[in-house]
Protein backbone atom coordinates (compact mmCIF):
# COMPACT_ATOMS: atom_id res chain seq x y z
CA UNK A 1 23.19 18.12 -0.63
CA UNK A 2 20.65 15.24 0.40
CA UNK A 3 21.29 14.16 3.93
CA UNK A 4 21.12 10.43 4.97
CA UNK A 5 18.86 9.32 7.68
CA UNK A 6 19.57 5.95 9.57
CA UNK A 7 16.33 4.10 11.06
CA UNK A 8 15.63 0.75 12.25
CA UNK A 9 13.53 -1.52 10.23
CA UNK A 10 12.17 -1.95 6.80
CA UNK A 11 10.88 1.11 4.25
CA UNK A 12 7.42 1.98 5.89
CA UNK A 13 8.39 1.04 9.35
CA UNK A 14 7.02 3.57 11.93
CA UNK A 15 10.66 4.54 12.70
CA UNK A 16 10.76 5.32 8.62
CA UNK A 17 7.48 7.39 8.99
CA UNK A 18 9.22 9.44 12.03
CA UNK A 19 12.16 9.98 10.01
CA UNK A 20 10.08 11.20 6.88
CA UNK A 21 8.22 13.45 9.39
CA UNK A 22 11.44 14.94 10.96
CA UNK A 23 13.58 15.15 7.55
CA UNK A 24 11.37 15.32 4.75
CA UNK A 25 13.05 15.14 1.38
CA UNK A 26 15.96 13.53 2.91
CA UNK A 27 17.26 9.94 1.97
CA UNK A 28 15.98 7.38 4.76
CA UNK A 29 18.34 4.32 5.30
CA UNK A 30 16.73 1.27 6.73
CA UNK A 31 18.92 -0.76 9.06
CA UNK A 32 18.21 -4.32 10.45
CA UNK A 33 19.39 -3.50 14.15
CA UNK A 34 19.62 -0.56 16.50
CA UNK A 35 23.36 -1.13 16.70
CA UNK A 36 23.65 -0.97 12.76
CA UNK A 37 21.33 2.08 12.93
CA UNK A 38 23.97 3.86 15.40
CA UNK A 39 27.06 2.40 13.80
CA UNK A 40 25.61 4.27 10.72
CA UNK A 41 26.19 7.43 12.16
CA UNK A 42 29.16 6.49 14.10
CA UNK A 43 30.92 5.62 10.67
CA UNK A 44 29.67 8.35 8.60
CA UNK A 45 27.36 6.34 6.28
CA UNK A 46 24.69 8.54 7.81
CA UNK A 47 24.40 12.10 8.86
CA UNK A 48 21.45 11.44 11.54
CA UNK A 49 19.80 8.53 13.36
CA UNK A 50 16.13 8.54 14.32
CA UNK A 51 15.56 5.81 17.39
CA UNK A 52 12.80 5.15 19.43
CA UNK A 53 13.48 5.57 23.14
CA UNK A 54 10.17 5.03 24.77
CA UNK A 55 6.45 4.24 24.02
CA UNK A 56 3.31 5.09 26.06
CA UNK A 57 1.97 1.67 26.30
CA UNK A 58 5.24 -0.43 26.59
CA UNK A 59 7.58 1.87 28.39
CA UNK A 60 11.17 2.01 27.50
CA UNK A 61 13.41 0.58 24.54
CA UNK A 62 15.83 -1.07 26.58
CA UNK A 63 18.52 -1.68 24.06
CA UNK A 64 18.62 2.33 23.22
CA UNK A 65 18.97 2.75 27.13
CA UNK A 66 21.97 0.76 26.54
CA UNK A 67 23.58 1.58 23.43
CA UNK A 68 23.46 5.38 23.37
CA UNK A 69 25.54 6.21 26.39
CA UNK A 70 28.34 4.30 25.06
CA UNK A 71 27.86 5.23 21.57
CA UNK A 72 29.71 8.86 21.68
CA UNK A 73 26.43 10.22 20.00
CA UNK A 74 24.51 13.27 20.71
CA UNK A 75 20.85 13.77 20.98
CA UNK A 76 19.88 16.91 19.42
CA UNK A 77 16.04 16.53 19.13
CA UNK A 78 12.86 14.56 19.82
CA UNK A 79 9.85 13.68 18.13
CA UNK A 80 6.36 12.27 19.22
CA UNK A 81 4.74 9.93 16.76
CA UNK A 82 1.26 8.59 17.29
CA UNK A 83 1.27 5.30 16.37
CA UNK A 84 -1.94 4.56 14.31
CA UNK A 85 -2.76 1.13 12.85
CA UNK A 86 -4.17 0.57 9.60
CA UNK A 87 -5.59 -2.36 7.54
CA UNK A 88 -4.06 -2.37 4.23
CA UNK A 89 -5.11 -4.55 1.21
CA UNK A 90 -3.76 -5.10 -1.97
CA UNK A 91 -5.48 -2.81 -4.74
CA UNK A 92 -9.06 -3.45 -5.31
CA UNK A 93 -9.68 -5.55 -2.21
CA UNK A 94 -12.38 -4.64 0.31
CA UNK A 95 -12.81 -5.48 3.86
CA UNK A 96 -15.29 -8.31 3.07
CA UNK A 97 -12.61 -9.97 1.21
CA UNK A 98 -10.31 -10.07 4.01
CA UNK A 99 -10.23 -13.66 5.68
CA UNK A 100 -6.84 -13.22 7.37
CA UNK A 101 -4.66 -10.54 8.87
CA UNK A 102 -0.70 -10.58 8.99
CA UNK A 103 1.44 -8.23 11.30
CA UNK A 104 4.07 -8.17 14.05
CA UNK A 105 2.31 -9.98 16.89
CA UNK A 106 2.46 -6.92 19.19
CA UNK A 107 0.57 -4.83 16.52
CA UNK A 108 -2.07 -7.82 16.47
CA UNK A 109 -2.48 -7.66 20.23
CA UNK A 110 -3.03 -4.07 19.86
CA UNK A 111 -5.95 -4.50 17.32
CA UNK A 112 -7.86 -7.35 19.23
CA UNK A 113 -10.91 -5.83 19.30
CA UNK A 114 -11.05 -4.95 15.47
CA UNK A 115 -9.66 -8.52 14.52
CA UNK A 116 -12.36 -10.40 16.73
CA UNK A 117 -15.23 -8.23 15.27
CA UNK A 118 -14.40 -9.33 12.08
CA UNK A 119 -13.48 -12.67 12.77
CA UNK A 120 -10.18 -12.57 11.26
CA UNK A 121 -7.31 -15.24 11.27
CA UNK A 122 -3.98 -13.96 12.43
CA UNK A 123 -0.68 -14.48 11.03
CA UNK A 124 2.12 -13.66 13.03
CA UNK A 125 5.49 -11.79 11.40
CA UNK A 126 8.50 -10.36 11.98
CA UNK A 127 7.35 -6.53 11.49
CA UNK A 128 4.57 -4.11 10.42
CA UNK A 129 6.25 -2.74 7.50
CA UNK A 130 7.65 -6.26 6.19
CA UNK A 131 4.16 -7.44 6.70
CA UNK A 132 2.76 -4.87 4.20
CA UNK A 133 5.68 -5.57 1.81
CA UNK A 134 4.90 -9.30 1.75
CA UNK A 135 1.02 -8.79 0.99
CA UNK A 136 2.12 -6.36 -1.91
CA UNK A 137 4.00 -9.10 -3.24
CA UNK A 138 1.70 -11.95 -2.84
CA UNK A 139 -1.27 -10.08 -4.22
CA UNK A 140 -3.85 -11.92 -2.38
CA UNK A 141 -6.98 -10.05 -1.98
CA UNK A 142 -8.08 -12.16 1.40
CA UNK A 143 -5.10 -11.52 3.21
CA UNK A 144 -4.50 -7.91 4.58
CA UNK A 145 -1.78 -6.52 6.69
CA UNK A 146 -1.45 -4.32 9.98
CA UNK A 147 0.82 -1.45 9.57
CA UNK A 148 1.20 2.37 9.23
CA UNK A 149 -0.63 4.40 6.56
CA UNK A 150 3.10 5.31 5.59
CA UNK A 151 3.82 1.62 4.84
CA UNK A 152 0.59 1.54 2.45
CA UNK A 153 2.03 4.53 0.32
CA UNK A 154 5.35 2.76 0.47
CA UNK A 155 4.06 -0.64 -0.99
CA UNK A 156 1.04 0.59 -3.19
CA UNK A 157 -1.42 -0.82 -0.85
CA UNK A 158 -5.20 0.44 -0.02
CA UNK A 159 -6.41 1.44 3.15
CA UNK A 160 -9.26 -0.69 4.26
CA UNK A 161 -10.08 0.49 7.61
CA UNK A 162 -8.31 3.05 9.87
CA UNK A 163 -7.20 3.77 13.44
CA UNK A 164 -8.06 0.20 14.05
CA UNK A 165 -5.94 -0.06 17.44
CA UNK A 166 -7.91 -0.61 20.48
CA UNK A 167 -6.05 2.04 22.69
CA UNK A 168 -6.06 5.49 21.16
CA UNK A 169 -3.15 7.01 23.11
CA UNK A 170 -0.03 4.66 21.81
CA UNK A 171 2.62 7.03 21.29
CA UNK A 172 6.31 6.63 20.36
CA UNK A 173 8.95 8.93 21.54
CA UNK A 174 11.82 8.87 18.77
CA UNK A 175 15.31 10.63 19.53
CA UNK A 176 17.48 12.30 16.87
CA UNK A 177 21.21 11.52 16.91
CA UNK A 178 24.06 13.10 15.71
CA UNK A 179 27.95 12.65 15.83
CA UNK A 180 28.24 16.31 16.35
CA UNK A 181 27.30 17.92 19.65
CA UNK A 182 24.56 20.80 19.18
CA UNK A 183 23.21 22.21 22.45
CA UNK A 184 20.02 24.42 21.88
CA UNK A 185 20.37 27.84 22.91
CA UNK A 186 19.19 29.03 26.68
CA UNK A 187 15.45 30.10 26.70
CA UNK A 188 12.51 28.47 25.41
CA UNK A 189 11.33 25.09 25.99
CA UNK A 190 14.62 23.09 26.15
CA UNK A 191 15.19 19.35 27.35
CA UNK A 192 18.49 18.10 28.91
CA UNK A 193 19.24 14.27 28.96
CA UNK A 194 22.03 12.82 30.79
CA UNK A 195 23.32 9.50 32.56
CA UNK A 196 24.85 9.02 35.94
CA UNK A 197 26.01 6.76 38.52
CA UNK A 198 25.63 7.10 42.11
CA UNK A 199 28.22 6.54 44.59
CA UNK A 200 28.06 3.38 46.54
CA UNK A 201 26.96 5.25 49.81
CA UNK A 202 24.10 5.17 52.05
CA UNK A 203 20.91 7.18 50.37
CA UNK A 204 22.94 8.54 47.69
CA UNK A 205 20.34 8.74 45.15
CA UNK A 206 17.91 10.30 47.25
CA UNK A 207 20.49 12.93 48.24
CA UNK A 208 21.50 13.42 44.70
CA UNK A 209 17.91 14.17 43.62
CA UNK A 210 17.55 16.65 46.31
CA UNK A 211 19.20 19.21 44.01
CA UNK A 212 16.44 19.19 41.44
CA UNK A 213 13.90 19.40 43.92
CA UNK A 214 15.23 22.35 45.91
CA UNK A 215 15.81 24.36 42.67
CA UNK A 216 12.77 23.71 41.13
CA UNK A 217 13.91 21.69 38.22
CA UNK A 218 11.18 19.26 36.76
CA UNK A 219 12.71 15.70 36.30
CA UNK A 220 10.61 14.32 33.44
CA UNK A 221 12.37 10.67 33.14
CA UNK A 222 14.34 8.78 35.49
CA UNK A 223 15.32 5.17 34.53
CA UNK A 224 18.01 2.73 36.18
CA UNK A 225 19.55 -0.17 34.77
CA UNK A 226 22.41 -2.44 35.32
CA UNK A 227 25.85 -2.04 33.38
CA UNK A 228 28.56 -4.33 32.86
CA UNK A 229 26.58 -7.46 34.28
CA UNK A 230 26.73 -6.38 38.03
CA UNK A 231 24.04 -5.93 40.32
CA UNK A 232 25.84 -3.48 42.17
CA UNK A 233 26.46 -1.11 39.27
CA UNK A 234 23.54 0.76 38.30
CA UNK A 235 23.32 3.62 35.92
CA UNK A 236 20.78 6.23 35.74
CA UNK A 237 19.21 7.82 32.55
CA UNK A 238 17.02 11.00 33.02
CA UNK A 239 15.46 14.05 31.40
CA UNK A 240 14.83 17.33 32.66
CA UNK A 241 13.02 20.43 31.60
CA UNK A 242 15.93 23.01 31.41
CA UNK A 243 19.08 24.40 30.06
CA UNK A 244 22.83 23.27 31.64
CA UNK A 245 23.64 26.82 31.89
CA UNK A 246 20.33 27.96 33.93
CA UNK A 247 21.07 28.87 37.42
CA UNK A 248 18.78 26.15 38.90
CA UNK A 249 20.28 23.70 36.51
CA UNK A 250 24.03 24.41 37.51
CA UNK A 251 23.21 24.09 41.06
CA UNK A 252 21.16 20.84 40.74
CA UNK A 253 24.18 19.29 38.77
CA UNK A 254 26.67 20.66 41.40
CA UNK A 255 24.95 19.07 44.11
CA UNK A 256 24.49 15.89 41.88
CA UNK A 257 28.15 15.82 41.64
CA UNK A 258 28.50 15.28 45.31
CA UNK A 259 26.90 11.93 45.07
CA UNK A 260 28.03 10.61 41.78
CA UNK A 261 31.01 9.15 40.20
CA UNK A 262 30.07 9.25 36.72
CA UNK A 263 27.99 11.80 35.03
CA UNK A 264 27.69 12.68 31.19
CA UNK A 265 25.30 14.88 29.18
CA UNK A 266 24.05 13.44 26.16
CA UNK A 267 21.92 16.15 24.65
CA UNK A 268 20.50 19.59 25.20
CA UNK A 269 17.72 20.01 22.59
CA UNK A 270 14.56 21.68 22.07
CA UNK A 271 11.64 19.49 23.49
CA UNK A 272 9.08 18.51 21.02
CA UNK A 273 5.57 19.07 21.39
CA UNK A 274 3.37 15.87 22.36
CA UNK A 275 4.23 15.14 25.95
């Protein structure tokens, strides 16, 4: 039976490409917002969601850090997608035909050198995939879109230039979310993601982190953000290398418990390559 995979964005978006890489042949379902994407899994309209959590150039995706811990969903995997910008034109167009380029403002900014070198006029749009769709609909050979190669395939556009981004290390990390908790088995390359809030006592965070250092646990991510609009209520989102049943992680979590008043594991899953 075909599974439904929710992602945020239009068909052809980078999130769609990530969903397609993770679940080839399954039914990818585009959603307008991250809230709608998560709700699709919560309500049973989708089996899984694929959402971006951080980008190597722009850092964390703030919405996900706020929505995920309260969603009741579980992380069952992650995936790294190299963000490669492609110049897409209508069939038959050539690079010499292009006078203007349309895309999300962030994408245009990432391709500034290419745009300047070719003297192109820029058109700001809501997103990359939507730009590809509009270019295909208009059929104007003088206007191209900057989007993924996957978007070009989705809307029948020709690739006029590849890898036109200024930085060659632009990568987005995605998470796979499920209604059902599914912990990876012990052994191998396992990652555990969790959230916690430290007690309001001096040096609580410093002491809470000590258990990971003394037990040799590598913490690959630690992000803080306010909850409930209060400056004194800070929640931390963390990734570690290891399984909750590993002896070192058990001891580290025990020590963490002395200095926290809230702790929840969001997922225990095989770590994807690409870090």
